[in-house]
Amino acid sequence: MRKALSPAEVASSLSLLDGWRLVGEGAGQQIEKTFSFQDYYETIAFVNAIAFIAHRRDHHPDLSVHYNRCVVRFSTHDVKGLSDNDFQCAAEVDALLA
């Protein structure tokens, strides 16, 4: 069963990710990162890759899709905060562009 991370666990997990930031407070807390691309085609290819990860892990981020960028936000609604799964998924999204 997933559990919400403590503030110290969130800070520690966030320090392991590059470019992700903490937004919101309490139950509305999320981690967020903006990814930039050359054009809409690259942006949508990235979104489709995220969809594959999300489906496989059964953990779906909030996405804000724009012409040449995508904002990705993770949180775990059933624990009303952040879980290990959010940080693991964020690392997988980062790996798409490594």
PDB file of N, CA and C in Angstrom:
ATOM      1  N   MET A   1       0.840  -1.185   0.000  1.00  0.00           N
ATOM      2  CA  MET A   1       0.000   0.000   0.000  1.00  0.00           C
ATOM      3  C   MET A   1       0.886   1.250   0.000  1.00  0.00           C
ATOM      4  N   ARG A   2       0.501   2.203  -0.776  1.00  0.00           N
ATOM      5  CA  ARG A   2       1.244   3.454  -0.842  1.00  0.00           C
ATOM      6  C   ARG A   2       0.964   4.294   0.392  1.00  0.00           C
ATOM      7  N   LYS A   3       1.988   5.069   0.786  1.00  0.00           N
ATOM      8  CA  LYS A   3       1.802   5.985   1.910  1.00  0.00           C
ATOM      9  C   LYS A   3       2.382   7.335   1.524  1.00  0.00           C
ATOM     10  N   ALA A   4       1.835   8.364   2.127  1.00  0.00           N
ATOM     11  CA  ALA A   4       2.349   9.713   1.886  1.00  0.00           C
ATOM     12  C   ALA A   4       3.730   9.833   2.524  1.00  0.00           C
ATOM     13  N   LEU A   5       4.626  10.484   1.811  1.00  0.00           N
ATOM     14  CA  LEU A   5       5.962  10.714   2.341  1.00  0.00           C
ATOM     15  C   LEU A   5       5.951  11.880   3.322  1.00  0.00           C
ATOM     16  N   SER A   6       6.834  11.826   4.291  1.00  0.00           N
ATOM     17  CA  SER A   6       6.999  12.930   5.234  1.00  0.00           C
ATOM     18  C   SER A   6       7.704  14.082   4.511  1.00  0.00           C
ATOM     19  N   PRO A   7       7.639  15.295   5.050  1.00  0.00           N
ATOM     20  CA  PRO A   7       8.360  16.412   4.434  1.00  0.00           C
ATOM     21  C   PRO A   7       9.852  16.124   4.245  1.00  0.00           C
ATOM     22  N   ALA A   8      10.474  15.454   5.185  1.00  0.00           N
ATOM     23  CA  ALA A   8      11.901  15.121   5.061  1.00  0.00           C
ATOM     24  C   ALA A   8      12.131  14.119   3.928  1.00  0.00           C
ATOM     25  N   GLU A   9      11.236  13.142   3.808  1.00  0.00           N
ATOM     26  CA  GLU A   9      11.350  12.155   2.719  1.00  0.00           C
ATOM     27  C   GLU A   9      11.131  12.819   1.371  1.00  0.00           C
ATOM     28  N   VAL A  10      10.190  13.754   1.295  1.00  0.00           N
ATOM     29  CA  VAL A  10       9.941  14.491   0.053  1.00  0.00           C
ATOM     30  C   VAL A  10      11.193  15.276  -0.332  1.00  0.00           C
ATOM     31  N   ALA A  11      11.771  15.991   0.614  1.00  0.00           N
ATOM     32  CA  ALA A  11      12.970  16.798   0.340  1.00  0.00           C
ATOM     33  C   ALA A  11      14.120  15.914  -0.133  1.00  0.00           C
ATOM     34  N   SER A  12      14.304  14.780   0.513  1.00  0.00           N
ATOM     35  CA  SER A  12      15.374  13.858   0.137  1.00  0.00           C
ATOM     36  C   SER A  12      15.152  13.300  -1.270  1.00  0.00           C
ATOM     37  N   SER A  13      13.933  12.878  -1.561  1.00  0.00           N
ATOM     38  CA  SER A  13      13.616  12.326  -2.881  1.00  0.00           C
ATOM     39  C   SER A  13      13.742  13.385  -3.966  1.00  0.00           C
ATOM     40  N   LEU A  14      13.299  14.587  -3.673  1.00  0.00           N
ATOM     41  CA  LEU A  14      13.369  15.679  -4.649  1.00  0.00           C
ATOM     42  C   LEU A  14      14.820  16.022  -4.977  1.00  0.00           C
ATOM     43  N   SER A  15      15.701  15.914  -4.011  1.00  0.00           N
ATOM     44  CA  SER A  15      17.112  16.247  -4.229  1.00  0.00           C
ATOM     45  C   SER A  15      17.779  15.287  -5.218  1.00  0.00           C
ATOM     46  N   LEU A  16      17.185  14.131  -5.449  1.00  0.00           N
ATOM     47  CA  LEU A  16      17.735  13.148  -6.375  1.00  0.00           C
ATOM     48  C   LEU A  16      17.304  13.385  -7.815  1.00  0.00           C
ATOM     49  N   LEU A  17      16.364  14.308  -8.022  1.00  0.00           N
ATOM     50  CA  LEU A  17      15.851  14.603  -9.359  1.00  0.00           C
ATOM     51  C   LEU A  17      16.396  15.938  -9.851  1.00  0.00           C
ATOM     52  N   ASP A  18      16.613  16.030 -11.150  1.00  0.00           N
ATOM     53  CA  ASP A  18      17.136  17.252 -11.742  1.00  0.00           C
ATOM     54  C   ASP A  18      16.006  18.093 -12.336  1.00  0.00           C
ATOM     55  N   GLY A  19      15.849  19.293 -11.813  1.00  0.00           N
ATOM     56  CA  GLY A  19      14.898  20.233 -12.409  1.00  0.00           C
ATOM     57  C   GLY A  19      13.465  20.126 -11.937  1.00  0.00           C
ATOM     58  N   TRP A  20      13.155  19.169 -11.104  1.00  0.00           N
ATOM     59  CA  TRP A  20      11.802  19.045 -10.563  1.00  0.00           C
ATOM     60  C   TRP A  20      11.678  19.965  -9.367  1.00  0.00           C
ATOM     61  N   ARG A  21      10.465  20.506  -9.177  1.00  0.00           N
ATOM     62  CA  ARG A  21      10.246  21.390  -8.032  1.00  0.00           C
ATOM     63  C   ARG A  21       8.955  21.001  -7.333  1.00  0.00           C
ATOM     64  N   LEU A  22       8.870  21.386  -6.096  1.00  0.00           N
ATOM     65  CA  LEU A  22       7.697  21.122  -5.276  1.00  0.00           C
ATOM     66  C   LEU A  22       6.722  22.276  -5.439  1.00  0.00           C
ATOM     67  N   VAL A  23       5.458  21.949  -5.712  1.00  0.00           N
ATOM     68  CA  VAL A  23       4.416  22.973  -5.812  1.00  0.00           C
ATOM     69  C   VAL A  23       3.234  22.559  -4.947  1.00  0.00           C
ATOM     70  N   GLY A  24       2.501  23.530  -4.455  1.00  0.00           N
ATOM     71  CA  GLY A  24       1.332  23.264  -3.628  1.00  0.00           C
ATOM     72  C   GLY A  24       1.712  22.928  -2.198  1.00  0.00           C
ATOM     73  N   GLU A  25       0.679  22.683  -1.409  1.00  0.00           N
ATOM     74  CA  GLU A  25       0.873  22.373   0.006  1.00  0.00           C
ATOM     75  C   GLU A  25      -0.079  21.267   0.422  1.00  0.00           C
ATOM     76  N   GLY A  26       0.289  20.566   1.476  1.00  0.00           N
ATOM     77  CA  GLY A  26      -0.581  19.544   2.053  1.00  0.00           C
ATOM     78  C   GLY A  26      -1.038  18.519   1.040  1.00  0.00           C
ATOM     79  N   ALA A  27      -2.351  18.259   1.012  1.00  0.00           N
ATOM     80  CA  ALA A  27      -2.920  17.265   0.114  1.00  0.00           C
ATOM     81  C   ALA A  27      -2.794  17.673  -1.350  1.00  0.00           C
ATOM     82  N   GLY A  28      -2.559  18.961  -1.605  1.00  0.00           N
ATOM     83  CA  GLY A  28      -2.416  19.443  -2.980  1.00  0.00           C
ATOM     84  C   GLY A  28      -0.980  19.487  -3.460  1.00  0.00           C
ATOM     85  N   GLN A  29      -0.072  18.926  -2.687  1.00  0.00           N
ATOM     86  CA  GLN A  29       1.341  18.976  -3.039  1.00  0.00           C
ATOM     87  C   GLN A  29       1.633  18.102  -4.253  1.00  0.00           C
ATOM     88  N   GLN A  30       2.457  18.637  -5.171  1.00  0.00           N
ATOM     89  CA  GLN A  30       2.857  17.929  -6.383  1.00  0.00           C
ATOM     90  C   GLN A  30       4.332  18.205  -6.647  1.00  0.00           C
ATOM     91  N   ILE A  31       4.926  17.353  -7.493  1.00  0.00           N
ATOM     92  CA  ILE A  31       6.228  17.690  -8.057  1.00  0.00           C
ATOM     93  C   ILE A  31       5.990  18.021  -9.524  1.00  0.00           C
ATOM     94  N   GLU A  32       6.761  18.979 -10.036  1.00  0.00           N
ATOM     95  CA  GLU A  32       6.496  19.522 -11.367  1.00  0.00           C
ATOM     96  C   GLU A  32       7.811  19.809 -12.086  1.00  0.00           C
ATOM     97  N   LYS A  33       7.779  19.589 -13.399  1.00  0.00           N
ATOM     98  CA  LYS A  33       8.919  19.952 -14.245  1.00  0.00           C
ATOM     99  C   LYS A  33       8.402  20.334 -15.618  1.00  0.00           C
ATOM    100  N   THR A  34       9.026  21.341 -16.220  1.00  0.00           N
ATOM    101  CA  THR A  34       8.699  21.764 -17.582  1.00  0.00           C
ATOM    102  C   THR A  34       9.770  21.249 -18.527  1.00  0.00           C
ATOM    103  N   PHE A  35       9.340  20.581 -19.573  1.00  0.00           N
ATOM    104  CA  PHE A  35      10.228  20.052 -20.611  1.00  0.00           C
ATOM    105  C   PHE A  35      10.011  20.861 -21.887  1.00  0.00           C
ATOM    106  N   SER A  36      11.090  21.285 -22.527  1.00  0.00           N
ATOM    107  CA  SER A  36      11.010  22.104 -23.742  1.00  0.00           C
ATOM    108  C   SER A  36      11.455  21.302 -24.958  1.00  0.00           C
ATOM    109  N   PHE A  37      10.822  21.605 -26.100  1.00  0.00           N
ATOM    110  CA  PHE A  37      11.090  20.889 -27.344  1.00  0.00           C
ATOM    111  C   PHE A  37      11.177  21.862 -28.516  1.00  0.00           C
ATOM    112  N   GLN A  38      11.576  21.350 -29.675  1.00  0.00           N
ATOM    113  CA  GLN A  38      11.704  22.175 -30.875  1.00  0.00           C
ATOM    114  C   GLN A  38      10.352  22.555 -31.475  1.00  0.00           C
ATOM    115  N   ASP A  39       9.393  21.632 -31.396  1.00  0.00           N
ATOM    116  CA  ASP A  39       8.111  21.865 -32.062  1.00  0.00           C
ATOM    117  C   ASP A  39       7.022  20.976 -31.445  1.00  0.00           C
ATOM    118  N   TYR A  40       5.832  21.089 -31.997  1.00  0.00           N
ATOM    119  CA  TYR A  40       4.676  20.353 -31.486  1.00  0.00           C
ATOM    120  C   TYR A  40       4.841  18.847 -31.660  1.00  0.00           C
ATOM    121  N   TYR A  41       5.426  18.432 -32.776  1.00  0.00           N
ATOM    122  CA  TYR A  41       5.614  17.007 -33.028  1.00  0.00           C
ATOM    123  C   TYR A  41       6.467  16.368 -31.930  1.00  0.00           C
ATOM    124  N   GLU A  42       7.577  17.000 -31.570  1.00  0.00           N
ATOM    125  CA  GLU A  42       8.432  16.476 -30.502  1.00  0.00           C
ATOM    126  C   GLU A  42       7.700  16.464 -29.161  1.00  0.00           C
ATOM    127  N   THR A  43       6.922  17.505 -28.902  1.00  0.00           N
ATOM    128  CA  THR A  43       6.164  17.581 -27.657  1.00  0.00           C
ATOM    129  C   THR A  43       5.179  16.418 -27.555  1.00  0.00           C
ATOM    130  N   ILE A  44       4.453  16.170 -28.630  1.00  0.00           N
ATOM    131  CA  ILE A  44       3.451  15.097 -28.614  1.00  0.00           C
ATOM    132  C   ILE A  44       4.114  13.723 -28.541  1.00  0.00           C
ATOM    133  N   ALA A  45       5.254  13.543 -29.173  1.00  0.00           N
ATOM    134  CA  ALA A  45       5.977  12.275 -29.061  1.00  0.00           C
ATOM    135  C   ALA A  45       6.358  12.021 -27.599  1.00  0.00           C
ATOM    136  N   PHE A  46       6.791  13.065 -26.912  1.00  0.00           N
ATOM    137  CA  PHE A  46       7.129  12.973 -25.490  1.00  0.00           C
ATOM    138  C   PHE A  46       5.891  12.619 -24.671  1.00  0.00           C
ATOM    139  N   VAL A  47       4.785  13.278 -24.942  1.00  0.00           N
ATOM    140  CA  VAL A  47       3.530  13.000 -24.231  1.00  0.00           C
ATOM    141  C   VAL A  47       3.116  11.546 -24.439  1.00  0.00           C
ATOM    142  N   ASN A  48       3.239  11.043 -25.659  1.00  0.00           N
ATOM    143  CA  ASN A  48       2.884   9.646 -25.924  1.00  0.00           C
ATOM    144  C   ASN A  48       3.791   8.684 -25.163  1.00  0.00           C
ATOM    145  N   ALA A  49       5.060   9.017 -25.050  1.00  0.00           N
ATOM    146  CA  ALA A  49       5.979   8.175 -24.270  1.00  0.00           C
ATOM    147  C   ALA A  49       5.594   8.184 -22.786  1.00  0.00           C
ATOM    148  N   ILE A  50       5.214   9.353 -22.287  1.00  0.00           N
ATOM    149  CA  ILE A  50       4.743   9.436 -20.895  1.00  0.00           C
ATOM    150  C   ILE A  50       3.485   8.587 -20.716  1.00  0.00           C
ATOM    151  N   ALA A  51       2.594   8.621 -21.689  1.00  0.00           N
ATOM    152  CA  ALA A  51       1.361   7.824 -21.605  1.00  0.00           C
ATOM    153  C   ALA A  51       1.677   6.340 -21.474  1.00  0.00           C
ATOM    154  N   PHE A  52       2.697   5.881 -22.176  1.00  0.00           N
ATOM    155  CA  PHE A  52       3.096   4.478 -22.086  1.00  0.00           C
ATOM    156  C   PHE A  52       3.593   4.158 -20.673  1.00  0.00           C
ATOM    157  N   ILE A  53       4.452   5.017 -20.121  1.00  0.00           N
ATOM    158  CA  ILE A  53       4.953   4.833 -18.755  1.00  0.00           C
ATOM    159  C   ILE A  53       3.793   4.850 -17.758  1.00  0.00           C
ATOM    160  N   ALA A  54       2.917   5.825 -17.893  1.00  0.00           N
ATOM    161  CA  ALA A  54       1.793   5.975 -16.963  1.00  0.00           C
ATOM    162  C   ALA A  54       0.885   4.745 -16.987  1.00  0.00           C
ATOM    163  N   HIS A  55       0.614   4.244 -18.175  1.00  0.00           N
ATOM    164  CA  HIS A  55      -0.244   3.073 -18.297  1.00  0.00           C
ATOM    165  C   HIS A  55       0.426   1.857 -17.652  1.00  0.00           C
ATOM    166  N   ARG A  56       1.697   1.667 -17.933  1.00  0.00           N
ATOM    167  CA  ARG A  56       2.432   0.513 -17.406  1.00  0.00           C
ATOM    168  C   ARG A  56       2.512   0.558 -15.879  1.00  0.00           C
ATOM    169  N   ARG A  57       2.711   1.744 -15.310  1.00  0.00           N
ATOM    170  CA  ARG A  57       2.854   1.886 -13.848  1.00  0.00           C
ATOM    171  C   ARG A  57       1.518   2.156 -13.152  1.00  0.00           C
ATOM    172  N   ASP A  58       0.452   2.348 -13.928  1.00  0.00           N
ATOM    173  CA  ASP A  58      -0.866   2.686 -13.391  1.00  0.00           C
ATOM    174  C   ASP A  58      -0.772   3.901 -12.463  1.00  0.00           C
ATOM    175  N   HIS A  59      -0.041   4.907 -12.948  1.00  0.00           N
ATOM    176  CA  HIS A  59       0.141   6.148 -12.197  1.00  0.00           C
ATOM    177  C   HIS A  59       0.202   7.280 -13.212  1.00  0.00           C
ATOM    178  N   HIS A  60      -0.804   8.123 -13.211  1.00  0.00           N
ATOM    179  CA  HIS A  60      -1.016   9.062 -14.304  1.00  0.00           C
ATOM    180  C   HIS A  60      -0.777  10.507 -13.876  1.00  0.00           C
ATOM    181  N   PRO A  61       0.179  11.170 -14.536  1.00  0.00           N
ATOM    182  CA  PRO A  61       0.476  12.562 -14.182  1.00  0.00           C
ATOM    183  C   PRO A  61      -0.545  13.515 -14.778  1.00  0.00           C
ATOM    184  N   ASP A  62      -0.538  14.732 -14.261  1.00  0.00           N
ATOM    185  CA  ASP A  62      -1.261  15.824 -14.911  1.00  0.00           C
ATOM    186  C   ASP A  62      -0.291  16.427 -15.913  1.00  0.00           C
ATOM    187  N   LEU A  63      -0.762  16.658 -17.127  1.00  0.00           N
ATOM    188  CA  LEU A  63       0.073  17.206 -18.183  1.00  0.00           C
ATOM    189  C   LEU A  63      -0.547  18.494 -18.712  1.00  0.00           C
ATOM    190  N   SER A  64       0.285  19.496 -18.910  1.00  0.00           N
ATOM    191  CA  SER A  64      -0.122  20.713 -19.605  1.00  0.00           C
ATOM    192  C   SER A  64       0.698  20.745 -20.886  1.00  0.00           C
ATOM    193  N   VAL A  65       0.018  20.546 -22.004  1.00  0.00           N
ATOM    194  CA  VAL A  65       0.699  20.400 -23.292  1.00  0.00           C
ATOM    195  C   VAL A  65       0.579  21.696 -24.084  1.00  0.00           C
ATOM    196  N   HIS A  66       1.724  22.175 -24.550  1.00  0.00           N
ATOM    197  CA  HIS A  66       1.797  23.407 -25.341  1.00  0.00           C
ATOM    198  C   HIS A  66       2.558  23.107 -26.623  1.00  0.00           C
ATOM    199  N   TYR A  67       2.682  24.080 -27.502  1.00  0.00           N
ATOM    200  CA  TYR A  67       3.332  23.862 -28.795  1.00  0.00           C
ATOM    201  C   TYR A  67       4.728  23.257 -28.643  1.00  0.00           C
ATOM    202  N   ASN A  68       5.569  23.850 -27.807  1.00  0.00           N
ATOM    203  CA  ASN A  68       6.955  23.389 -27.709  1.00  0.00           C
ATOM    204  C   ASN A  68       7.389  23.097 -26.267  1.00  0.00           C
ATOM    205  N   ARG A  69       6.436  22.774 -25.419  1.00  0.00           N
ATOM    206  CA  ARG A  69       6.772  22.417 -24.050  1.00  0.00           C
ATOM    207  C   ARG A  69       5.641  21.600 -23.432  1.00  0.00           C
ATOM    208  N   CYS A  70       6.005  20.890 -22.392  1.00  0.00           N
ATOM    209  CA  CYS A  70       5.032  20.093 -21.645  1.00  0.00           C
ATOM    210  C   CYS A  70       5.376  20.213 -20.168  1.00  0.00           C
ATOM    211  N   VAL A  71       4.393  20.566 -19.367  1.00  0.00           N
ATOM    212  CA  VAL A  71       4.563  20.625 -17.921  1.00  0.00           C
ATOM    213  C   VAL A  71       3.993  19.321 -17.351  1.00  0.00           C
ATOM    214  N   VAL A  72       4.825  18.610 -16.598  1.00  0.00           N
ATOM    215  CA  VAL A  72       4.442  17.321 -16.026  1.00  0.00           C
ATOM    216  C   VAL A  72       4.346  17.485 -14.516  1.00  0.00           C
ATOM    217  N   ARG A  73       3.226  17.026 -13.939  1.00  0.00           N
ATOM    218  CA  ARG A  73       3.016  17.106 -12.491  1.00  0.00           C
ATOM    219  C   ARG A  73       2.595  15.736 -11.965  1.00  0.00           C
ATOM    220  N   PHE A  74       3.259  15.308 -10.914  1.00  0.00           N
ATOM    221  CA  PHE A  74       2.912  14.049 -10.261  1.00  0.00           C
ATOM    222  C   PHE A  74       2.457  14.296  -8.834  1.00  0.00           C
ATOM    223  N   SER A  75       1.463  13.546  -8.411  1.00  0.00           N
ATOM    224  CA  SER A  75       1.042  13.441  -7.020  1.00  0.00           C
ATOM    225  C   SER A  75       0.290  12.120  -6.892  1.00  0.00           C
ATOM    226  N   THR A  76       0.045  11.717  -5.665  1.00  0.00           N
ATOM    227  CA  THR A  76      -0.686  10.471  -5.432  1.00  0.00           C
ATOM    228  C   THR A  76      -1.973  10.832  -4.704  1.00  0.00           C
ATOM    229  N   HIS A  77      -3.059  10.857  -5.456  1.00  0.00           N
ATOM    230  CA  HIS A  77      -4.337  11.330  -4.915  1.00  0.00           C
ATOM    231  C   HIS A  77      -4.845  10.475  -3.760  1.00  0.00           C
ATOM    232  N   ASP A  78      -4.642   9.148  -3.850  1.00  0.00           N
ATOM    233  CA  ASP A  78      -5.200   8.289  -2.795  1.00  0.00           C
ATOM    234  C   ASP A  78      -4.467   8.410  -1.463  1.00  0.00           C
ATOM    235  N   VAL A  79      -3.267   8.998  -1.440  1.00  0.00           N
ATOM    236  CA  VAL A  79      -2.586   9.243  -0.163  1.00  0.00           C
ATOM    237  C   VAL A  79      -2.623  10.726   0.199  1.00  0.00           C
ATOM    238  N   LYS A  80      -3.243  11.515  -0.681  1.00  0.00           N
ATOM    239  CA  LYS A  80      -3.390  12.964  -0.459  1.00  0.00           C
ATOM    240  C   LYS A  80      -2.031  13.635  -0.237  1.00  0.00           C
ATOM    241  N   GLY A  81      -1.114  13.341  -1.144  1.00  0.00           N
ATOM    242  CA  GLY A  81       0.217  13.929  -1.071  1.00  0.00           C
ATOM    243  C   GLY A  81       1.144  13.281  -2.066  1.00  0.00           C
ATOM    244  N   LEU A  82       2.393  13.136  -1.683  1.00  0.00           N
ATOM    245  CA  LEU A  82       3.400  12.539  -2.546  1.00  0.00           C
ATOM    246  C   LEU A  82       3.827  11.190  -2.000  1.00  0.00           C
ATOM    247  N   SER A  83       4.062  10.246  -2.895  1.00  0.00           N
ATOM    248  CA  SER A  83       4.523   8.913  -2.524  1.00  0.00           C
ATOM    249  C   SER A  83       5.813   8.606  -3.281  1.00  0.00           C
ATOM    250  N   ASP A  84       6.443   7.500  -2.927  1.00  0.00           N
ATOM    251  CA  ASP A  84       7.636   7.055  -3.647  1.00  0.00           C
ATOM    252  C   ASP A  84       7.350   6.909  -5.136  1.00  0.00           C
ATOM    253  N   ASN A  85       6.160   6.477  -5.460  1.00  0.00           N
ATOM    254  CA  ASN A  85       5.788   6.257  -6.852  1.00  0.00           C
ATOM    255  C   ASN A  85       5.904   7.539  -7.681  1.00  0.00           C
ATOM    256  N   ASP A  86       5.583   8.680  -7.111  1.00  0.00           N
ATOM    257  CA  ASP A  86       5.700   9.944  -7.834  1.00  0.00           C
ATOM    258  C   ASP A  86       7.146  10.193  -8.260  1.00  0.00           C
ATOM    259  N   PHE A  87       8.062   9.958  -7.361  1.00  0.00           N
ATOM    260  CA  PHE A  87       9.474  10.207  -7.634  1.00  0.00           C
ATOM    261  C   PHE A  87      10.048   9.164  -8.586  1.00  0.00           C
ATOM    262  N   GLN A  88       9.598   7.927  -8.477  1.00  0.00           N
ATOM    263  CA  GLN A  88      10.035   6.883  -9.397  1.00  0.00           C
ATOM    264  C   GLN A  88       9.544   7.182 -10.817  1.00  0.00           C
ATOM    265  N   CYS A  89       8.303   7.616 -10.941  1.00  0.00           N
ATOM    266  CA  CYS A  89       7.764   7.959 -12.253  1.00  0.00           C
ATOM    267  C   CYS A  89       8.479   9.185 -12.834  1.00  0.00           C
ATOM    268  N   ALA A  90       8.767  10.166 -11.999  1.00  0.00           N
ATOM    269  CA  ALA A  90       9.483  11.354 -12.456  1.00  0.00           C
ATOM    270  C   ALA A  90      10.857  10.959 -13.008  1.00  0.00           C
ATOM    271  N   ALA A  91      11.541  10.047 -12.338  1.00  0.00           N
ATOM    272  CA  ALA A  91      12.842   9.582 -12.808  1.00  0.00           C
ATOM    273  C   ALA A  91      12.704   8.862 -14.149  1.00  0.00           C
ATOM    274  N   GLU A  92      11.637   8.097 -14.335  1.00  0.00           N
ATOM    275  CA  GLU A  92      11.409   7.415 -15.623  1.00  0.00           C
ATOM    276  C   GLU A  92      11.141   8.419 -16.730  1.00  0.00           C
ATOM    277  N   VAL A  93      10.403   9.478 -16.430  1.00  0.00           N
ATOM    278  CA  VAL A  93      10.153  10.520 -17.426  1.00  0.00           C
ATOM    279  C   VAL A  93      11.464  11.202 -17.795  1.00  0.00           C
ATOM    280  N   ASP A  94      12.284  11.512 -16.819  1.00  0.00           N
ATOM    281  CA  ASP A  94      13.596  12.102 -17.103  1.00  0.00           C
ATOM    282  C   ASP A  94      14.433  11.206 -18.010  1.00  0.00           C
ATOM    283  N   ALA A  95      14.358   9.899 -17.777  1.00  0.00           N
ATOM    284  CA  ALA A  95      15.152   8.939 -18.543  1.00  0.00           C
ATOM    285  C   ALA A  95      14.767   8.921 -20.023  1.00  0.00           C
ATOM    286  N   LEU A  96      13.576   9.366 -20.333  1.00  0.00           N
ATOM    287  CA  LEU A  96      13.156   9.433 -21.745  1.00  0.00           C
ATOM    288  C   LEU A  96      14.069  10.329 -22.568  1.00  0.00           C
ATOM    289  N   LEU A  97      14.611  11.349 -21.934  1.00  0.00           N
ATOM    290  CA  LEU A  97      15.416  12.337 -22.650  1.00  0.00           C
ATOM    291  C   LEU A  97      16.908  12.216 -22.352  1.00  0.00           C
ATOM    292  N   ALA A  98      17.284  11.171 -21.622  1.00  0.00           N
ATOM    293  CA  ALA A  98      18.704  10.999 -21.257  1.00  0.00           C
ATOM    294  C   ALA A  98      19.514  10.516 -22.447  1.00  0.00           C
TER     295      ALA A  98
END
